[in-house]
Amino acid sequence: MQLNELETPALILDRARMENNIKRLRERLRPFNVVFRPHVKTCKSADVARCIAEPGTPVTVSTLKEAEYFLQHGWTDILYAVGIAANKFAHIARLMERGARMTVVLDNRETGLALAAFCKERNLNLPVLLEIDTDGHRSGIRPQSDDLLDVASAFDRSRSGSGAWLAGVMTHAGDSYNCEDTDSIVALAEQERSGAVTAAQRLRQAGFDAPVVSVGSTPTAHFARTLDGVTEVRAGVFVFFDLVMTGLDVCKQTDIALSVLCTVIGHQKEKGWVITDAGWMAMSRDRGTAKQRVDQGYGLICDQNGVVMDDMIMQQANQEHGIIIHRHDSKKTPMLPVGTLLRILPNHACSTAAQHGSYKVVAGSQEIEAEWPRFSGW
């Protein structure tokens, strides 16, 4: 099948670009001698995940549905990297009973005490990481906060026997997405590293083993100058990249492996609008580039071959209609013929991919070489 035979909108994955992106990060991390624990929330696909890491190697997930799916496909070393809630304890236990080596994350004493009691009752040996806030981005404990040892005290200092035990710390430098230049990303990567290492050292001084120091975001993974004291790195969107990553200078537009194929279905000539059949249900409502130097609207327009059309963006999005316009002057919008196929590069690969049920896989050509299913939900 060729691209022009597809029903649109459709999610297109350029395998060659994806493989280059994966190779780039793996080669960059190799000198640091750290475990790479990719975040599979971005792809939600075993076919894509096999290109990143073989089954059996460590992965990170953001939902327990992801944990179920990737366990079924052979990945057993799974970090659930969202703060655990008591209503998920039983699900974690079921995953472990089926052979998953789960690790969970929390940042408060209440959950720690409840989890410790649950694991002791169920005779579960469950590693726990304390979430550390190294940049004020969202949840977590500040590295120097008194809360760190207070939360840690919910767990026994010895890891012998069954029960939940304190395996270390994890952090996510999400504020890297707000950096204005690569120097800022470099600085934030060091802030991420040093904060996590400091927290782990405090736990060890208090008598906890805390062997794991887990850090990661796609920007900081690409720009960290040192990872001294870090044991593992996580990243997710690197596999596809997107316009937010381009705006941060983490990648180039030609590195973006994901696009949405759409069809021109009409015009509003007096407004300078080209109408397509890909609205926010195909692209998502993510406007992550709005805060960056260049606002890409709901996505950047390419021709059918994936070549960027200068200054053409999806400016507006209805549920099933996308409005394409020249970013500077609507009078310059080319009235592309009805039936023209276009490809739209996404602001945020994770949220755009989540709108679709499969990837149509190409390798730099018009021929579709495979269709890889993906899933969503909780």
Foldseek 3Di string as FASTA:
>chain_A
DFQLVDDDFAKAFAVQLLLVLLVLLVVLCVVQQAAEAEECLLPQFPVLVCSNDNACGHYEYQDVVSVVVSVVVRHAHYEHEDADDPVCLVVVVVSVVVRHQYEYEHAAQVVLLSQQVVFVVVQAQYEYAYEEELDPPDDGHFLPDPSLVVSQVSADQDSPGIGYAYQAYEYELPCLLVDAELVVLQVSLVSQLVRRQSSRVVSVVVRHPNQAREYEELSSSQRHPHNPSHHYYYYYCSSADFVSCVLHVSDPLVSHRIWIKWFFADADLVQLKTKIQAFCLQQPPDQSCPSGPDGQAFFFKAFPLSHGDPQWHQNHGDNGMTIIARNPDSNPRDHDDGGGMMITTGHGSSRNPQSDQWYQYDNSRRDRPDITGRHDDD
